[in-house]
Amino acid sequence: MHNDDSIDTDCARSKPEMIKFYNSTKGGVDTVDQMKGKYSVSRNSRRWPLTIFFSVLNIAGINSQIIYASNTNAKIVRREYLKCLSKALIYKYMLERVQIKNIPMNIKVRIREITNAIEEPVQKTSNAPGRCAFCN
């Protein structure tokens, strides 16, 4: 696009035309950086692949919100969108997890609250010692 080293002399400081073009088009990068900084999944890490993964997750969240908003014509606050997205991504896993017998009762109750899953009846088939009906 910029094959020559022409300098724009219209302003007080003479800058190459390619730098002026870059400066005029970098607003999207600044906006994404600002959005990533407000609600971020990043954690401090010395491992660079993990840092890149966190950045990709942040950008994927921003991109998915933009696609969702353009497909549904709905305006949703970023924080609420990320909460709904995270719940939708883990919903199926939580339904599987609530069926595991070794999970503590308080976690099962919380999963049922989040997923609105119906509570299964307690069935004790043997007289062997084990968890009581309350802890099951």
N, C-alpha and C. Protein backbone atom coordinates (compact mmCIF):
# COMPACT_ATOMS: atom_id res chain seq x y z
N MET A 1 0.82 -1.19 0.00
CA MET A 1 0.00 0.00 0.00
C MET A 1 0.87 1.26 0.00
N HIS A 2 1.91 1.25 0.81
CA HIS A 2 2.83 2.40 0.88
C HIS A 2 4.17 1.96 0.30
N ASN A 3 4.35 2.21 -0.95
CA ASN A 3 5.57 1.77 -1.62
C ASN A 3 6.68 2.82 -1.60
N ASP A 4 6.32 4.03 -1.31
CA ASP A 4 7.33 5.08 -1.32
C ASP A 4 7.50 5.65 0.09
N ASP A 5 8.49 6.46 0.27
CA ASP A 5 8.75 7.05 1.58
C ASP A 5 8.31 8.52 1.61
N SER A 6 7.12 8.79 1.10
CA SER A 6 6.63 10.17 1.05
C SER A 6 6.33 10.68 2.46
N ILE A 7 6.54 11.96 2.65
CA ILE A 7 6.35 12.61 3.95
C ILE A 7 5.22 13.62 3.81
N ASP A 8 4.32 13.59 4.77
CA ASP A 8 3.20 14.51 4.78
C ASP A 8 3.66 15.81 5.45
N THR A 9 3.64 16.88 4.75
CA THR A 9 4.12 18.17 5.28
C THR A 9 2.99 19.10 5.65
N ASP A 10 1.75 18.59 5.72
CA ASP A 10 0.60 19.44 6.04
C ASP A 10 0.58 19.87 7.50
N CYS A 11 1.12 19.09 8.39
CA CYS A 11 1.07 19.43 9.81
C CYS A 11 2.41 20.03 10.26
N ALA A 12 2.44 20.46 11.51
CA ALA A 12 3.65 21.10 12.05
C ALA A 12 4.82 20.13 12.06
N ARG A 13 4.57 18.89 12.44
CA ARG A 13 5.63 17.88 12.41
C ARG A 13 5.53 17.08 11.13
N SER A 14 6.58 16.97 10.43
CA SER A 14 6.59 16.18 9.20
C SER A 14 6.75 14.71 9.54
N LYS A 15 5.74 13.93 9.19
CA LYS A 15 5.79 12.49 9.45
C LYS A 15 5.61 11.76 8.14
N PRO A 16 6.21 10.58 8.05
CA PRO A 16 5.97 9.76 6.86
C PRO A 16 4.48 9.40 6.76
N GLU A 17 4.02 9.30 5.54
CA GLU A 17 2.61 9.04 5.28
C GLU A 17 2.17 7.71 5.88
N MET A 18 3.01 6.68 5.87
CA MET A 18 2.63 5.38 6.41
C MET A 18 2.43 5.44 7.92
N ILE A 19 3.17 6.28 8.62
CA ILE A 19 2.98 6.42 10.07
C ILE A 19 1.67 7.14 10.36
N LYS A 20 1.35 8.16 9.59
CA LYS A 20 0.08 8.86 9.76
C LYS A 20 -1.09 7.92 9.50
N PHE A 21 -0.97 7.09 8.47
CA PHE A 21 -2.03 6.12 8.17
C PHE A 21 -2.18 5.13 9.32
N TYR A 22 -1.07 4.61 9.84
CA TYR A 22 -1.12 3.68 10.97
C TYR A 22 -1.79 4.33 12.18
N ASN A 23 -1.40 5.56 12.50
CA ASN A 23 -1.97 6.25 13.65
C ASN A 23 -3.47 6.50 13.48
N SER A 24 -3.92 6.73 12.25
CA SER A 24 -5.34 7.00 12.03
C SER A 24 -6.18 5.74 12.08
N THR A 25 -5.58 4.56 11.92
CA THR A 25 -6.35 3.31 11.88
C THR A 25 -6.14 2.43 13.11
N LYS A 26 -5.42 2.85 14.10
CA LYS A 26 -5.15 1.97 15.25
C LYS A 26 -6.19 2.11 16.36
N GLY A 27 -7.27 2.83 16.12
CA GLY A 27 -8.30 3.01 17.14
C GLY A 27 -8.95 1.71 17.56
N GLY A 28 -9.12 0.77 16.62
CA GLY A 28 -9.73 -0.51 16.95
C GLY A 28 -8.88 -1.31 17.91
N VAL A 29 -7.59 -1.26 17.74
CA VAL A 29 -6.66 -1.97 18.64
C VAL A 29 -6.75 -1.38 20.04
N ASP A 30 -6.80 -0.07 20.13
CA ASP A 30 -6.91 0.57 21.43
C ASP A 30 -8.22 0.21 22.12
N THR A 31 -9.31 0.14 21.35
CA THR A 31 -10.61 -0.21 21.91
C THR A 31 -10.60 -1.65 22.44
N VAL A 32 -10.03 -2.57 21.68
CA VAL A 32 -9.96 -3.97 22.12
C VAL A 32 -9.09 -4.08 23.37
N ASP A 33 -7.96 -3.38 23.40
CA ASP A 33 -7.11 -3.41 24.60
C ASP A 33 -7.84 -2.88 25.82
N GLN A 34 -8.61 -1.84 25.62
CA GLN A 34 -9.38 -1.27 26.73
C GLN A 34 -10.44 -2.27 27.21
N MET A 35 -11.13 -2.92 26.28
CA MET A 35 -12.15 -3.90 26.66
C MET A 35 -11.52 -5.11 27.33
N LYS A 36 -10.35 -5.54 26.85
CA LYS A 36 -9.66 -6.68 27.47
C LYS A 36 -9.24 -6.35 28.89
N GLY A 37 -8.85 -5.12 29.13
CA GLY A 37 -8.37 -4.73 30.44
C GLY A 37 -9.47 -4.64 31.49
N LYS A 38 -10.69 -4.32 31.06
CA LYS A 38 -11.78 -4.13 32.02
C LYS A 38 -12.25 -5.46 32.62
N TYR A 39 -12.54 -6.45 31.77
CA TYR A 39 -12.95 -7.78 32.21
C TYR A 39 -12.00 -8.78 31.56
N SER A 40 -11.03 -9.23 32.32
CA SER A 40 -9.98 -10.07 31.77
C SER A 40 -9.89 -11.38 32.55
N VAL A 41 -9.57 -12.45 31.83
CA VAL A 41 -9.32 -13.74 32.48
C VAL A 41 -7.84 -13.94 32.76
N SER A 42 -7.03 -12.98 32.40
CA SER A 42 -5.57 -13.11 32.53
C SER A 42 -5.13 -13.22 33.98
N ARG A 43 -4.10 -13.99 34.17
CA ARG A 43 -3.45 -14.14 35.47
C ARG A 43 -1.95 -13.94 35.25
N ASN A 44 -1.25 -13.55 36.30
CA ASN A 44 0.20 -13.41 36.18
C ASN A 44 0.82 -14.79 35.99
N SER A 45 1.65 -14.89 34.99
CA SER A 45 2.28 -16.17 34.70
C SER A 45 3.63 -15.92 34.03
N ARG A 46 4.58 -16.78 34.32
CA ARG A 46 5.88 -16.69 33.65
C ARG A 46 5.90 -17.53 32.38
N ARG A 47 4.87 -18.32 32.20
CA ARG A 47 4.81 -19.19 31.01
C ARG A 47 4.11 -18.43 29.88
N TRP A 48 4.82 -18.15 28.82
CA TRP A 48 4.27 -17.34 27.75
C TRP A 48 3.13 -18.02 27.01
N PRO A 49 3.09 -19.37 26.86
CA PRO A 49 1.92 -19.95 26.20
C PRO A 49 0.63 -19.69 26.97
N LEU A 50 0.72 -19.70 28.29
CA LEU A 50 -0.46 -19.43 29.11
C LEU A 50 -0.91 -17.98 28.96
N THR A 51 0.04 -17.06 28.89
CA THR A 51 -0.28 -15.65 28.68
C THR A 51 -0.97 -15.44 27.34
N ILE A 52 -0.48 -16.11 26.32
CA ILE A 52 -1.10 -16.01 24.99
C ILE A 52 -2.50 -16.62 25.02
N PHE A 53 -2.66 -17.74 25.70
CA PHE A 53 -3.97 -18.38 25.81
C PHE A 53 -4.98 -17.44 26.48
N PHE A 54 -4.57 -16.78 27.56
CA PHE A 54 -5.46 -15.84 28.24
C PHE A 54 -5.85 -14.70 27.30
N SER A 55 -4.91 -14.21 26.54
CA SER A 55 -5.20 -13.12 25.60
C SER A 55 -6.18 -13.59 24.51
N VAL A 56 -5.98 -14.81 24.02
CA VAL A 56 -6.89 -15.35 23.00
C VAL A 56 -8.31 -15.50 23.58
N LEU A 57 -8.41 -15.94 24.84
CA LEU A 57 -9.72 -16.06 25.47
C LEU A 57 -10.39 -14.69 25.59
N ASN A 58 -9.63 -13.68 25.97
CA ASN A 58 -10.19 -12.33 26.08
C ASN A 58 -10.71 -11.84 24.74
N ILE A 59 -9.92 -12.02 23.70
CA ILE A 59 -10.32 -11.56 22.37
C ILE A 59 -11.51 -12.38 21.85
N ALA A 60 -11.54 -13.68 22.15
CA ALA A 60 -12.67 -14.51 21.73
C ALA A 60 -13.96 -14.05 22.40
N GLY A 61 -13.89 -13.65 23.66
CA GLY A 61 -15.06 -13.13 24.35
C GLY A 61 -15.57 -11.85 23.71
N ILE A 62 -14.65 -10.97 23.34
CA ILE A 62 -15.03 -9.71 22.68
C ILE A 62 -15.65 -10.00 21.32
N ASN A 63 -15.00 -10.86 20.54
CA ASN A 63 -15.52 -11.19 19.21
C ASN A 63 -16.89 -11.86 19.27
N SER A 64 -17.07 -12.76 20.23
CA SER A 64 -18.36 -13.45 20.32
C SER A 64 -19.46 -12.48 20.72
N GLN A 65 -19.14 -11.50 21.56
CA GLN A 65 -20.15 -10.50 21.93
C GLN A 65 -20.53 -9.64 20.73
N ILE A 66 -19.56 -9.28 19.92
CA ILE A 66 -19.84 -8.48 18.72
C ILE A 66 -20.72 -9.28 17.75
N ILE A 67 -20.41 -10.56 17.56
CA ILE A 67 -21.21 -11.39 16.66
C ILE A 67 -22.62 -11.57 17.21
N TYR A 68 -22.73 -11.81 18.51
CA TYR A 68 -24.05 -11.97 19.15
C TYR A 68 -24.88 -10.70 18.98
N ALA A 69 -24.26 -9.56 19.22
CA ALA A 69 -24.99 -8.29 19.11
C ALA A 69 -25.44 -8.02 17.68
N SER A 70 -24.61 -8.37 16.71
CA SER A 70 -25.00 -8.11 15.31
C SER A 70 -26.05 -9.10 14.83
N ASN A 71 -26.07 -10.32 15.35
CA ASN A 71 -27.07 -11.31 14.94
C ASN A 71 -28.42 -11.10 15.60
N THR A 72 -28.43 -10.61 16.83
CA THR A 72 -29.69 -10.48 17.57
C THR A 72 -30.18 -9.05 17.69
N ASN A 73 -29.37 -8.09 17.29
CA ASN A 73 -29.71 -6.66 17.45
C ASN A 73 -30.03 -6.32 18.91
N ALA A 74 -29.40 -7.03 19.82
CA ALA A 74 -29.63 -6.80 21.25
C ALA A 74 -28.42 -6.10 21.85
N LYS A 75 -28.68 -5.16 22.72
CA LYS A 75 -27.59 -4.49 23.43
C LYS A 75 -27.50 -5.13 24.81
N ILE A 76 -26.36 -5.70 25.10
CA ILE A 76 -26.15 -6.35 26.40
C ILE A 76 -24.83 -5.85 26.97
N VAL A 77 -24.84 -5.62 28.26
CA VAL A 77 -23.64 -5.15 28.95
C VAL A 77 -22.60 -6.25 28.91
N ARG A 78 -21.36 -5.88 28.72
CA ARG A 78 -20.28 -6.86 28.55
C ARG A 78 -20.19 -7.82 29.74
N ARG A 79 -20.32 -7.30 30.93
CA ARG A 79 -20.22 -8.14 32.13
C ARG A 79 -21.31 -9.21 32.14
N GLU A 80 -22.54 -8.81 31.84
CA GLU A 80 -23.65 -9.76 31.82
C GLU A 80 -23.48 -10.77 30.69
N TYR A 81 -22.98 -10.31 29.55
CA TYR A 81 -22.76 -11.22 28.43
C TYR A 81 -21.73 -12.28 28.81
N LEU A 82 -20.63 -11.88 29.44
CA LEU A 82 -19.60 -12.84 29.81
C LEU A 82 -20.11 -13.84 30.84
N LYS A 83 -20.97 -13.40 31.76
CA LYS A 83 -21.56 -14.32 32.73
C LYS A 83 -22.45 -15.34 32.04
N CYS A 84 -23.29 -14.87 31.11
CA CYS A 84 -24.17 -15.79 30.38
C CYS A 84 -23.36 -16.75 29.51
N LEU A 85 -22.31 -16.24 28.88
CA LEU A 85 -21.45 -17.08 28.04
C LEU A 85 -20.79 -18.17 28.87
N SER A 86 -20.24 -17.81 30.01
CA SER A 86 -19.55 -18.80 30.84
C SER A 86 -20.52 -19.86 31.35
N LYS A 87 -21.72 -19.45 31.75
CA LYS A 87 -22.71 -20.43 32.21
C LYS A 87 -23.13 -21.36 31.08
N ALA A 88 -23.29 -20.81 29.88
CA ALA A 88 -23.69 -21.64 28.75
C ALA A 88 -22.60 -22.64 28.39
N LEU A 89 -21.35 -22.25 28.54
CA LEU A 89 -20.25 -23.15 28.19
C LEU A 89 -20.08 -24.29 29.19
N ILE A 90 -20.43 -24.07 30.46
CA ILE A 90 -20.22 -25.12 31.46
C ILE A 90 -21.51 -25.82 31.88
N TYR A 91 -22.64 -25.45 31.30
CA TYR A 91 -23.93 -26.00 31.71
C TYR A 91 -23.97 -27.52 31.58
N LYS A 92 -23.58 -28.04 30.43
CA LYS A 92 -23.64 -29.48 30.20
C LYS A 92 -22.71 -30.23 31.16
N TYR A 93 -21.54 -29.68 31.41
CA TYR A 93 -20.59 -30.30 32.33
C TYR A 93 -21.16 -30.33 33.76
N MET A 94 -21.82 -29.25 34.16
CA MET A 94 -22.38 -29.21 35.52
C MET A 94 -23.50 -30.24 35.69
N LEU A 95 -24.31 -30.44 34.64
CA LEU A 95 -25.36 -31.46 34.73
C LEU A 95 -24.77 -32.85 34.88
N GLU A 96 -23.65 -33.12 34.24
CA GLU A 96 -22.98 -34.41 34.41
C GLU A 96 -22.37 -34.51 35.80
N ARG A 97 -21.81 -33.44 36.27
CA ARG A 97 -21.12 -33.45 37.57
C ARG A 97 -22.08 -33.66 38.74
N VAL A 98 -23.29 -33.13 38.63
CA VAL A 98 -24.24 -33.26 39.73
C VAL A 98 -24.68 -34.72 39.92
N GLN A 99 -24.47 -35.55 38.92
CA GLN A 99 -24.84 -36.97 39.01
C GLN A 99 -23.78 -37.80 39.74
N ILE A 100 -22.59 -37.28 39.93
CA ILE A 100 -21.52 -38.03 40.60
C ILE A 100 -21.83 -38.14 42.09
N LYS A 101 -21.71 -39.33 42.62
CA LYS A 101 -22.11 -39.56 44.01
C LYS A 101 -21.09 -39.02 45.02
N ASN A 102 -19.82 -38.88 44.65
CA ASN A 102 -18.79 -38.47 45.60
C ASN A 102 -18.70 -36.95 45.77
N ILE A 103 -19.46 -36.20 45.04
CA ILE A 103 -19.41 -34.74 45.14
C ILE A 103 -20.07 -34.30 46.44
N PRO A 104 -19.46 -33.40 47.20
CA PRO A 104 -20.07 -32.93 48.44
C PRO A 104 -21.44 -32.30 48.20
N MET A 105 -22.29 -32.40 49.20
CA MET A 105 -23.68 -31.95 49.09
C MET A 105 -23.79 -30.46 48.80
N ASN A 106 -22.92 -29.63 49.42
CA ASN A 106 -23.04 -28.19 49.19
C ASN A 106 -22.75 -27.82 47.73
N ILE A 107 -21.85 -28.57 47.09
CA ILE A 107 -21.56 -28.31 45.68
C ILE A 107 -22.73 -28.76 44.81
N LYS A 108 -23.32 -29.90 45.14
CA LYS A 108 -24.49 -30.37 44.39
C LYS A 108 -25.64 -29.38 44.49
N VAL A 109 -25.86 -28.86 45.68
CA VAL A 109 -26.95 -27.88 45.87
C VAL A 109 -26.69 -26.64 45.03
N ARG A 110 -25.48 -26.17 45.05
CA ARG A 110 -25.14 -24.95 44.27
C ARG A 110 -25.29 -25.20 42.77
N ILE A 111 -24.87 -26.37 42.31
CA ILE A 111 -25.02 -26.70 40.88
C ILE A 111 -26.50 -26.75 40.52
N ARG A 112 -27.31 -27.33 41.39
CA ARG A 112 -28.75 -27.39 41.11
C ARG A 112 -29.37 -26.00 41.09
N GLU A 113 -28.89 -25.10 41.93
CA GLU A 113 -29.38 -23.72 41.91
C GLU A 113 -29.04 -23.04 40.59
N ILE A 114 -27.82 -23.24 40.13
CA ILE A 114 -27.36 -22.58 38.90
C ILE A 114 -28.07 -23.15 37.67
N THR A 115 -28.21 -24.47 37.61
CA THR A 115 -28.76 -25.11 36.42
C THR A 115 -30.26 -25.31 36.47
N ASN A 116 -30.87 -25.04 37.61
CA ASN A 116 -32.31 -25.29 37.81
C ASN A 116 -32.65 -26.76 37.59
N ALA A 117 -31.70 -27.64 37.93
CA ALA A 117 -31.92 -29.08 37.79
C ALA A 117 -32.79 -29.56 38.94
N ILE A 118 -33.63 -30.51 38.65
CA ILE A 118 -34.48 -31.05 39.70
C ILE A 118 -33.66 -32.03 40.55
N GLU A 119 -34.01 -32.05 41.83
CA GLU A 119 -33.26 -32.89 42.75
C GLU A 119 -33.75 -34.32 42.63
N GLU A 120 -32.80 -35.24 42.53
CA GLU A 120 -33.15 -36.64 42.42
C GLU A 120 -33.45 -37.21 43.80
N PRO A 121 -34.39 -38.14 43.90
CA PRO A 121 -34.73 -38.71 45.21
C PRO A 121 -33.59 -39.56 45.75
N VAL A 122 -33.44 -39.54 47.07
CA VAL A 122 -32.39 -40.32 47.73
C VAL A 122 -32.86 -41.76 47.83
N GLN A 123 -32.04 -42.69 47.34
CA GLN A 123 -32.38 -44.10 47.40
C GLN A 123 -31.26 -44.85 48.10
N LYS A 124 -31.59 -45.42 49.24
CA LYS A 124 -30.61 -46.21 50.00
C LYS A 124 -30.96 -47.67 49.76
N THR A 125 -30.08 -48.41 49.10
CA THR A 125 -30.38 -49.79 48.72
C THR A 125 -29.83 -50.82 49.71
N SER A 126 -28.88 -50.44 50.52
CA SER A 126 -28.31 -51.43 51.45
C SER A 126 -28.24 -50.83 52.84
N ASN A 127 -28.02 -51.68 53.80
CA ASN A 127 -27.89 -51.23 55.18
C ASN A 127 -26.44 -50.98 55.56
N ALA A 128 -25.55 -51.01 54.60
CA ALA A 128 -24.13 -50.81 54.85
C ALA A 128 -23.91 -49.36 55.30
N PRO A 129 -22.93 -49.17 56.23
CA PRO A 129 -22.67 -47.79 56.65
C PRO A 129 -22.13 -46.95 55.49
N GLY A 130 -22.49 -45.73 55.48
CA GLY A 130 -22.05 -44.84 54.42
C GLY A 130 -22.54 -43.43 54.72
N ARG A 131 -22.78 -42.69 53.73
CA ARG A 131 -23.29 -41.34 53.92
C ARG A 131 -24.74 -41.38 54.36
N CYS A 132 -25.09 -40.46 55.20
CA CYS A 132 -26.47 -40.38 55.63
C CYS A 132 -27.32 -39.77 54.51
N ALA A 133 -28.63 -39.80 54.65
CA ALA A 133 -29.52 -39.30 53.62
C ALA A 133 -29.32 -37.79 53.42
N PHE A 134 -28.95 -37.08 54.46
CA PHE A 134 -28.73 -35.63 54.33
C PHE A 134 -27.49 -35.30 53.50
N CYS A 135 -26.41 -36.10 53.68
CA CYS A 135 -25.15 -35.84 53.00
C CYS A 135 -25.09 -36.44 51.61
N ASN A 136 -26.00 -37.30 51.26
CA ASN A 136 -25.94 -37.98 49.99
C ASN A 136 -26.15 -37.07 48.87
